[in-house]
């Protein structure tokens, strides 16, 4: 009896726990389908159910025609046709619900697959950015920026030195002050000369009756007077 129970217990344990025995022997566990495979299967199922919908709709139309033809002639046949129509309508309603569920699953799976691909791409980009930044040293970057700033300052100093004019440099304020003094001296000299105006002879003075003179003689006298005044001013 003990041998019998031992044998049965061993057989029961081996039959009830097949996965554990296979895992001990190192067999590979079965993996699930990929999202692409699942989406493909769902689309195939949708197409199959859509064809069945068309078939049921045609059957419903046929049963309605049979019921119409036999409504007065053969009531039993007409009633049977209506019963079949009702069953077809129930199946059609069930297929509509099944299609809605499958469409929801497919859309959810497609969205999940899209999100997965987006996350993979973002992770790939993050690794690339990390790899680029890994070769950068902040201390070296700051030192480089300081070198660039110093180079720009040196370049500006060189430009200023090149653009500086050669020769002696004079104070513009001093030059303006000296010019003002010269102008004042010139004005004072002119005032002194005006105080020593020479007497002009009566014969050189213009006549009180200009109408008695000819125009050519007046121009000559004006010219002579201008020369005398110019000589006096010098």
C-alpha atoms as a PDB file:
ATOM      1  CA  UNK A   1       0.000   0.000   0.000  1.00  0.00           C
ATOM      2  CA  UNK A   2       2.809   2.407   0.835  1.00  0.00           C
ATOM      3  CA  UNK A   3       4.460   1.719  -2.480  1.00  0.00           C
ATOM      4  CA  UNK A   4       1.171   2.375  -4.237  1.00  0.00           C
ATOM      5  CA  UNK A   5       0.661   5.704  -2.474  1.00  0.00           C
ATOM      6  CA  UNK A   6       4.257   6.707  -3.116  1.00  0.00           C
ATOM      7  CA  UNK A   7       3.923   5.971  -6.788  1.00  0.00           C
ATOM      8  CA  UNK A   8       0.648   7.808  -7.054  1.00  0.00           C
ATOM      9  CA  UNK A   9       1.980  10.818  -5.137  1.00  0.00           C
ATOM     10  CA  UNK A  10       5.009  11.029  -7.387  1.00  0.00           C
ATOM     11  CA  UNK A  11       2.846  10.781 -10.487  1.00  0.00           C
ATOM     12  CA  UNK A  12       0.447  13.390  -9.133  1.00  0.00           C
ATOM     13  CA  UNK A  13       3.289  15.774  -8.293  1.00  0.00           C
ATOM     14  CA  UNK A  14       4.818  15.357 -11.706  1.00  0.00           C
ATOM     15  CA  UNK A  15       1.489  15.894 -13.451  1.00  0.00           C
ATOM     16  CA  UNK A  16       0.377  18.854 -11.337  1.00  0.00           C
ATOM     17  CA  UNK A  17       3.669  20.783 -11.499  1.00  0.00           C
ATOM     18  CA  UNK A  18       4.979  20.462 -15.039  1.00  0.00           C
ATOM     19  CA  UNK A  19       6.255  24.023 -15.222  1.00  0.00           C
ATOM     20  CA  UNK A  20       8.489  23.633 -12.161  1.00  0.00           C
ATOM     21  CA  UNK A  21      10.024  20.459 -13.542  1.00  0.00           C
ATOM     22  CA  UNK A  22      10.687  22.121 -16.851  1.00  0.00           C
ATOM     23  CA  UNK A  23      12.190  25.138 -15.136  1.00  0.00           C
ATOM     24  CA  UNK A  24      14.534  22.868 -13.163  1.00  0.00           C
ATOM     25  CA  UNK A  25      15.723  21.266 -16.384  1.00  0.00           C
ATOM     26  CA  UNK A  26      16.475  24.691 -17.826  1.00  0.00           C
ATOM     27  CA  UNK A  27      13.829  24.837 -20.550  1.00  0.00           C
ATOM     28  CA  UNK A  28      13.031  28.296 -21.910  1.00  0.00           C
ATOM     29  CA  UNK A  29       9.796  29.934 -20.743  1.00  0.00           C
ATOM     30  CA  UNK A  30       7.377  30.982 -23.447  1.00  0.00           C
ATOM     31  CA  UNK A  31       7.389  34.738 -24.116  1.00  0.00           C
ATOM     32  CA  UNK A  32       4.301  36.808 -24.991  1.00  0.00           C
ATOM     33  CA  UNK A  33       3.509  38.151 -28.443  1.00  0.00           C
ATOM     34  CA  UNK A  34       4.981  41.393 -29.644  1.00  0.00           C
ATOM     35  CA  UNK A  35       2.731  44.446 -29.953  1.00  0.00           C
ATOM     36  CA  UNK A  36       2.994  44.300 -33.731  1.00  0.00           C
ATOM     37  CA  UNK A  37       1.810  40.677 -33.770  1.00  0.00           C
ATOM     38  CA  UNK A  38      -1.095  41.426 -31.464  1.00  0.00           C
ATOM     39  CA  UNK A  39      -2.170  44.430 -33.527  1.00  0.00           C
ATOM     40  CA  UNK A  40      -2.009  42.315 -36.691  1.00  0.00           C
ATOM     41  CA  UNK A  41      -4.177  39.588 -35.101  1.00  0.00           C
ATOM     42  CA  UNK A  42      -6.721  42.123 -33.904  1.00  0.00           C
ATOM     43  CA  UNK A  43      -7.003  43.616 -37.371  1.00  0.00           C
ATOM     44  CA  UNK A  44      -7.507  40.175 -38.883  1.00  0.00           C
ATOM     45  CA  UNK A  45     -10.253  39.479 -36.355  1.00  0.00           C
ATOM     46  CA  UNK A  46     -11.913  42.793 -37.161  1.00  0.00           C
ATOM     47  CA  UNK A  47     -11.914  41.944 -40.863  1.00  0.00           C
ATOM     48  CA  UNK A  48     -13.374  38.485 -40.189  1.00  0.00           C
ATOM     49  CA  UNK A  49     -16.142  39.891 -37.974  1.00  0.00           C
ATOM     50  CA  UNK A  50     -16.944  42.575 -40.560  1.00  0.00           C
ATOM     51  CA  UNK A  51     -17.424  39.841 -43.186  1.00  0.00           C
ATOM     52  CA  UNK A  52     -19.675  37.938 -40.792  1.00  0.00           C
ATOM     53  CA  UNK A  53     -21.698  41.091 -40.251  1.00  0.00           C
ATOM     54  CA  UNK A  54     -22.271  41.388 -43.993  1.00  0.00           C
ATOM     55  CA  UNK A  55     -23.311  37.733 -44.134  1.00  0.00           C
ATOM     56  CA  UNK A  56     -25.773  38.107 -41.262  1.00  0.00           C
ATOM     57  CA  UNK A  57     -27.285  41.251 -42.743  1.00  0.00           C
ATOM     58  CA  UNK A  58     -27.875  39.412 -46.019  1.00  0.00           C
ATOM     59  CA  UNK A  59     -29.431  36.459 -44.134  1.00  0.00           C
ATOM     60  CA  UNK A  60     -31.723  38.825 -42.260  1.00  0.00           C
ATOM     61  CA  UNK A  61     -32.891  40.345 -45.543  1.00  0.00           C
ATOM     62  CA  UNK A  62     -33.548  36.844 -46.940  1.00  0.00           C
ATOM     63  CA  UNK A  63     -35.590  35.790 -43.927  1.00  0.00           C
ATOM     64  CA  UNK A  64     -37.628  38.968 -44.160  1.00  0.00           C
ATOM     65  CA  UNK A  65     -38.382  38.201 -47.811  1.00  0.00           C
ATOM     66  CA  UNK A  66     -39.413  34.636 -46.901  1.00  0.00           C
ATOM     67  CA  UNK A  67     -41.694  35.905 -44.153  1.00  0.00           C
ATOM     68  CA  UNK A  68     -43.315  38.377 -46.526  1.00  0.00           C
ATOM     69  CA  UNK A  69     -43.914  35.761 -49.224  1.00  0.00           C
ATOM     70  CA  UNK A  70     -45.391  33.205 -46.819  1.00  0.00           C
ATOM     71  CA  UNK A  71     -47.241  35.530 -44.499  1.00  0.00           C
ATOM     72  CA  UNK A  72     -50.645  34.640 -45.964  1.00  0.00           C
ATOM     73  CA  UNK A  73     -49.899  31.332 -47.644  1.00  0.00           C
ATOM     74  CA  UNK A  74     -47.921  29.442 -45.012  1.00  0.00           C
ATOM     75  CA  UNK A  75     -47.942  31.025 -41.609  1.00  0.00           C
ATOM     76  CA  UNK A  76     -45.668  28.388 -40.061  1.00  0.00           C
ATOM     77  CA  UNK A  77     -42.901  29.019 -42.614  1.00  0.00           C
ATOM     78  CA  UNK A  78     -43.235  32.752 -42.115  1.00  0.00           C
ATOM     79  CA  UNK A  79     -42.917  32.403 -38.344  1.00  0.00           C
ATOM     80  CA  UNK A  80     -39.857  30.196 -38.690  1.00  0.00           C
ATOM     81  CA  UNK A  81     -38.254  32.771 -40.964  1.00  0.00           C
ATOM     82  CA  UNK A  82     -38.908  35.503 -38.396  1.00  0.00           C
ATOM     83  CA  UNK A  83     -37.411  33.372 -35.635  1.00  0.00           C
ATOM     84  CA  UNK A  84     -34.262  32.845 -37.693  1.00  0.00           C
ATOM     85  CA  UNK A  85     -34.177  36.589 -38.366  1.00  0.00           C
ATOM     86  CA  UNK A  86     -34.274  37.268 -34.629  1.00  0.00           C
ATOM     87  CA  UNK A  87     -31.378  34.868 -34.030  1.00  0.00           C
ATOM     88  CA  UNK A  88     -29.368  36.510 -36.781  1.00  0.00           C
ATOM     89  CA  UNK A  89     -30.091  39.927 -35.283  1.00  0.00           C
ATOM     90  CA  UNK A  90     -28.896  38.744 -31.881  1.00  0.00           C
ATOM     91  CA  UNK A  91     -25.696  37.448 -33.424  1.00  0.00           C
ATOM     92  CA  UNK A  92     -25.273  40.757 -35.249  1.00  0.00           C
ATOM     93  CA  UNK A  93     -25.669  42.671 -31.982  1.00  0.00           C
ATOM     94  CA  UNK A  94     -23.095  40.433 -30.305  1.00  0.00           C
ATOM     95  CA  UNK A  95     -20.657  40.988 -33.163  1.00  0.00           C
ATOM     96  CA  UNK A  96     -21.130  44.756 -32.865  1.00  0.00           C
ATOM     97  CA  UNK A  97     -20.183  44.609 -29.195  1.00  0.00           C
ATOM     98  CA  UNK A  98     -17.239  42.338 -29.916  1.00  0.00           C
ATOM     99  CA  UNK A  99     -15.991  44.678 -32.638  1.00  0.00           C
ATOM    100  CA  UNK A 100     -16.182  47.632 -30.251  1.00  0.00           C
ATOM    101  CA  UNK A 101     -14.103  45.747 -27.688  1.00  0.00           C
ATOM    102  CA  UNK A 102     -11.533  44.671 -30.280  1.00  0.00           C
ATOM    103  CA  UNK A 103     -11.256  48.206 -31.685  1.00  0.00           C
ATOM    104  CA  UNK A 104     -10.685  49.541 -28.164  1.00  0.00           C
ATOM    105  CA  UNK A 105      -7.971  46.933 -27.527  1.00  0.00           C
ATOM    106  CA  UNK A 106      -6.294  47.635 -30.848  1.00  0.00           C
ATOM    107  CA  UNK A 107      -6.295  51.396 -30.336  1.00  0.00           C
ATOM    108  CA  UNK A 108      -4.958  51.022 -26.796  1.00  0.00           C
ATOM    109  CA  UNK A 109      -2.252  48.680 -28.007  1.00  0.00           C
ATOM    110  CA  UNK A 110      -1.303  50.991 -30.876  1.00  0.00           C
ATOM    111  CA  UNK A 111      -1.073  53.946 -28.478  1.00  0.00           C
ATOM    112  CA  UNK A 112       1.001  51.907 -26.054  1.00  0.00           C
ATOM    113  CA  UNK A 113       3.276  50.787 -28.876  1.00  0.00           C
ATOM    114  CA  UNK A 114       3.671  54.398 -30.048  1.00  0.00           C
ATOM    115  CA  UNK A 115       4.461  55.555 -26.510  1.00  0.00           C
ATOM    116  CA  UNK A 116       6.997  52.770 -26.164  1.00  0.00           C
ATOM    117  CA  UNK A 117       8.743  53.794 -29.383  1.00  0.00           C
ATOM    118  CA  UNK A 118       8.718  57.437 -28.291  1.00  0.00           C
ATOM    119  CA  UNK A 119      10.233  56.533 -24.929  1.00  0.00           C
ATOM    120  CA  UNK A 120      12.889  54.439 -26.647  1.00  0.00           C
ATOM    121  CA  UNK A 121      13.786  57.354 -28.904  1.00  0.00           C
ATOM    122  CA  UNK A 122      13.900  59.758 -25.963  1.00  0.00           C
ATOM    123  CA  UNK A 123      16.097  57.357 -24.019  1.00  0.00           C
ATOM    124  CA  UNK A 124      18.387  56.994 -27.019  1.00  0.00           C
ATOM    125  CA  UNK A 125      18.640  60.767 -27.340  1.00  0.00           C
ATOM    126  CA  UNK A 126      19.279  61.119 -23.591  1.00  0.00           C
ATOM    127  CA  UNK A 127      22.143  58.647 -23.807  1.00  0.00           C
ATOM    128  CA  UNK A 128      23.585  60.559 -26.761  1.00  0.00           C
ATOM    129  CA  UNK A 129      23.392  63.852 -24.859  1.00  0.00           C
ATOM    130  CA  UNK A 130      24.966  62.250 -21.824  1.00  0.00           C
ATOM    131  CA  UNK A 131      27.767  60.888 -23.984  1.00  0.00           C
ATOM    132  CA  UNK A 132      28.419  64.315 -25.458  1.00  0.00           C
ATOM    133  CA  UNK A 133      28.443  66.030 -22.065  1.00  0.00           C
ATOM    134  CA  UNK A 134      30.605  63.302 -20.620  1.00  0.00           C
ATOM    135  CA  UNK A 135      33.577  64.565 -22.630  1.00  0.00           C
ATOM    136  CA  UNK A 136      33.050  68.151 -21.452  1.00  0.00           C
ATOM    137  CA  UNK A 137      34.811  69.585 -18.395  1.00  0.00           C
ATOM    138  CA  UNK A 138      33.198  72.630 -16.803  1.00  0.00           C
ATOM    139  CA  UNK A 139      36.548  73.868 -15.516  1.00  0.00           C
ATOM    140  CA  UNK A 140      37.989  73.682 -19.013  1.00  0.00           C
ATOM    141  CA  UNK A 141      34.962  75.499 -20.426  1.00  0.00           C
ATOM    142  CA  UNK A 142      35.307  78.337 -17.889  1.00  0.00           C
ATOM    143  CA  UNK A 143      39.034  78.575 -18.602  1.00  0.00           C
ATOM    144  CA  UNK A 144      38.301  78.684 -22.323  1.00  0.00           C
ATOM    145  CA  UNK A 145      35.768  81.485 -21.863  1.00  0.00           C
ATOM    146  CA  UNK A 146      38.280  83.473 -19.821  1.00  0.00           C
ATOM    147  CA  UNK A 147      40.876  83.024 -22.544  1.00  0.00           C
ATOM    148  CA  UNK A 148      38.385  84.239 -25.134  1.00  0.00           C
ATOM    149  CA  UNK A 149      37.551  87.307 -23.021  1.00  0.00           C
ATOM    150  CA  UNK A 150      41.225  88.135 -22.549  1.00  0.00           C
ATOM    151  CA  UNK A 151      41.864  87.707 -26.265  1.00  0.00           C
ATOM    152  CA  UNK A 152      39.040  90.129 -27.066  1.00  0.00           C
ATOM    153  CA  UNK A 153      40.444  92.695 -24.626  1.00  0.00           C
ATOM    154  CA  UNK A 154      43.903  92.392 -26.165  1.00  0.00           C
ATOM    155  CA  UNK A 155      42.421  92.777 -29.653  1.00  0.00           C
ATOM    156  CA  UNK A 156      40.585  95.926 -28.548  1.00  0.00           C
ATOM    157  CA  UNK A 157      43.770  97.390 -27.092  1.00  0.00           C
ATOM    158  CA  UNK A 158      45.588  96.669 -30.349  1.00  0.00           C
ATOM    159  CA  UNK A 159      42.844  98.414 -32.335  1.00  0.00           C
ATOM    160  CA  UNK A 160      43.027 101.446 -30.063  1.00  0.00           C
ATOM    161  CA  UNK A 161      46.809 101.597 -30.421  1.00  0.00           C
ATOM    162  CA  UNK A 162      46.645 101.329 -34.199  1.00  0.00           C
ATOM    163  CA  UNK A 163      43.979 104.031 -34.524  1.00  0.00           C
ATOM    164  CA  UNK A 164      45.876 106.532 -32.298  1.00  0.00           C
ATOM    165  CA  UNK A 165      47.319 109.418 -34.451  1.00  0.00           C
ATOM    166  CA  UNK A 166      51.099 109.874 -34.720  1.00  0.00           C
ATOM    167  CA  UNK A 167      53.047 113.063 -33.911  1.00  0.00           C
ATOM    168  CA  UNK A 168      52.779 115.580 -31.090  1.00  0.00           C
ATOM    169  CA  UNK A 169      49.506 115.808 -29.277  1.00  0.00           C
ATOM    170  CA  UNK A 170      48.230 119.257 -28.298  1.00  0.00           C
ATOM    171  CA  UNK A 171      45.649 120.359 -25.836  1.00  0.00           C
ATOM    172  CA  UNK A 172      42.694 121.669 -27.818  1.00  0.00           C
ATOM    173  CA  UNK A 173      41.574 123.949 -24.989  1.00  0.00           C
ATOM    174  CA  UNK A 174      44.953 125.677 -24.935  1.00  0.00           C
ATOM    175  CA  UNK A 175      44.835 126.170 -28.691  1.00  0.00           C
ATOM    176  CA  UNK A 176      41.350 127.704 -28.498  1.00  0.00           C
ATOM    177  CA  UNK A 177      42.473 130.048 -25.716  1.00  0.00           C
ATOM    178  CA  UNK A 178      45.458 131.165 -27.761  1.00  0.00           C
ATOM    179  CA  UNK A 179      43.254 131.758 -30.787  1.00  0.00           C
ATOM    180  CA  UNK A 180      40.890 133.876 -28.687  1.00  0.00           C
ATOM    181  CA  UNK A 181      43.824 136.030 -27.547  1.00  0.00           C
ATOM    182  CA  UNK A 182      44.937 136.569 -31.130  1.00  0.00           C
ATOM    183  CA  UNK A 183      41.458 137.589 -32.159  1.00  0.00           C
ATOM    184  CA  UNK A 184      41.261 140.068 -29.266  1.00  0.00           C
ATOM    185  CA  UNK A 185      44.599 141.605 -30.238  1.00  0.00           C
ATOM    186  CA  UNK A 186      43.432 141.931 -33.855  1.00  0.00           C
ATOM    187  CA  UNK A 187      40.247 143.644 -32.730  1.00  0.00           C
ATOM    188  CA  UNK A 188      42.123 146.124 -30.522  1.00  0.00           C
ATOM    189  CA  UNK A 189      44.526 146.947 -33.376  1.00  0.00           C
ATOM    190  CA  UNK A 190      41.613 147.586 -35.692  1.00  0.00           C
ATOM    191  CA  UNK A 191      40.016 149.948 -33.176  1.00  0.00           C
ATOM    192  CA  UNK A 192      43.268 151.915 -32.852  1.00  0.00           C
ATOM    193  CA  UNK A 193      43.559 152.244 -36.632  1.00  0.00           C
ATOM    194  CA  UNK A 194      40.005 153.508 -36.845  1.00  0.00           C
ATOM    195  CA  UNK A 195      40.919 156.307 -34.418  1.00  0.00           C
ATOM    196  CA  UNK A 196      43.625 157.543 -36.880  1.00  0.00           C
ATOM    197  CA  UNK A 197      41.430 158.000 -39.999  1.00  0.00           C
ATOM    198  CA  UNK A 198      43.170 160.423 -42.516  1.00  0.00           C
ATOM    199  CA  UNK A 199      41.365 163.502 -43.791  1.00  0.00           C
ATOM    200  CA  UNK A 200      39.996 163.198 -47.288  1.00  0.00           C
ATOM    201  CA  UNK A 201      40.466 166.238 -49.661  1.00  0.00           C
ATOM    202  CA  UNK A 202      37.360 168.212 -50.624  1.00  0.00           C
ATOM    203  CA  UNK A 203      38.071 167.576 -54.261  1.00  0.00           C
ATOM    204  CA  UNK A 204      37.817 163.819 -53.556  1.00  0.00           C
ATOM    205  CA  UNK A 205      34.537 164.117 -51.708  1.00  0.00           C
ATOM    206  CA  UNK A 206      31.410 163.240 -53.684  1.00  0.00           C
ATOM    207  CA  UNK A 207      29.443 166.180 -55.187  1.00  0.00           C
ATOM    208  CA  UNK A 208      26.177 167.275 -53.600  1.00  0.00           C
ATOM    209  CA  UNK A 209      24.661 167.238 -57.095  1.00  0.00           C
ATOM    210  CA  UNK A 210      25.160 163.712 -58.383  1.00  0.00           C
ATOM    211  CA  UNK A 211      22.843 164.364 -61.294  1.00  0.00           C
ATOM    212  CA  UNK A 212      25.442 166.646 -62.933  1.00  0.00           C
ATOM    213  CA  UNK A 213      27.992 163.776 -63.117  1.00  0.00           C
ATOM    214  CA  UNK A 214      28.170 161.204 -65.784  1.00  0.00           C
ATOM    215  CA  UNK A 215      27.858 157.536 -64.779  1.00  0.00           C
ATOM    216  CA  UNK A 216      31.338 156.625 -66.004  1.00  0.00           C
ATOM    217  CA  UNK A 217      33.032 159.355 -63.935  1.00  0.00           C
ATOM    218  CA  UNK A 218      31.145 158.226 -60.767  1.00  0.00           C
ATOM    219  CA  UNK A 219      32.378 154.663 -61.135  1.00  0.00           C
ATOM    220  CA  UNK A 220      35.974 155.945 -61.433  1.00  0.00           C
ATOM    221  CA  UNK A 221      35.644 158.046 -58.305  1.00  0.00           C
ATOM    222  CA  UNK A 222      34.109 155.147 -56.331  1.00  0.00           C
ATOM    223  CA  UNK A 223      37.025 152.971 -57.379  1.00  0.00           C
ATOM    224  CA  UNK A 224      39.533 155.578 -56.209  1.00  0.00           C
ATOM    225  CA  UNK A 225      37.810 155.907 -52.864  1.00  0.00           C
ATOM    226  CA  UNK A 226      37.850 152.127 -52.328  1.00  0.00           C
ATOM    227  CA  UNK A 227      41.606 152.082 -53.020  1.00  0.00           C
ATOM    228  CA  UNK A 228      42.197 154.922 -50.504  1.00  0.00           C
ATOM    229  CA  UNK A 229      40.173 153.175 -47.852  1.00  0.00           C
ATOM    230  CA  UNK A 230      42.028 149.924 -48.463  1.00  0.00           C
ATOM    231  CA  UNK A 231      45.382 151.724 -48.140  1.00  0.00           C
ATOM    232  CA  UNK A 232      44.183 153.347 -44.891  1.00  0.00           C
ATOM    233  CA  UNK A 233      43.102 150.085 -43.393  1.00  0.00           C
ATOM    234  CA  UNK A 234      46.526 148.553 -44.036  1.00  0.00           C
END
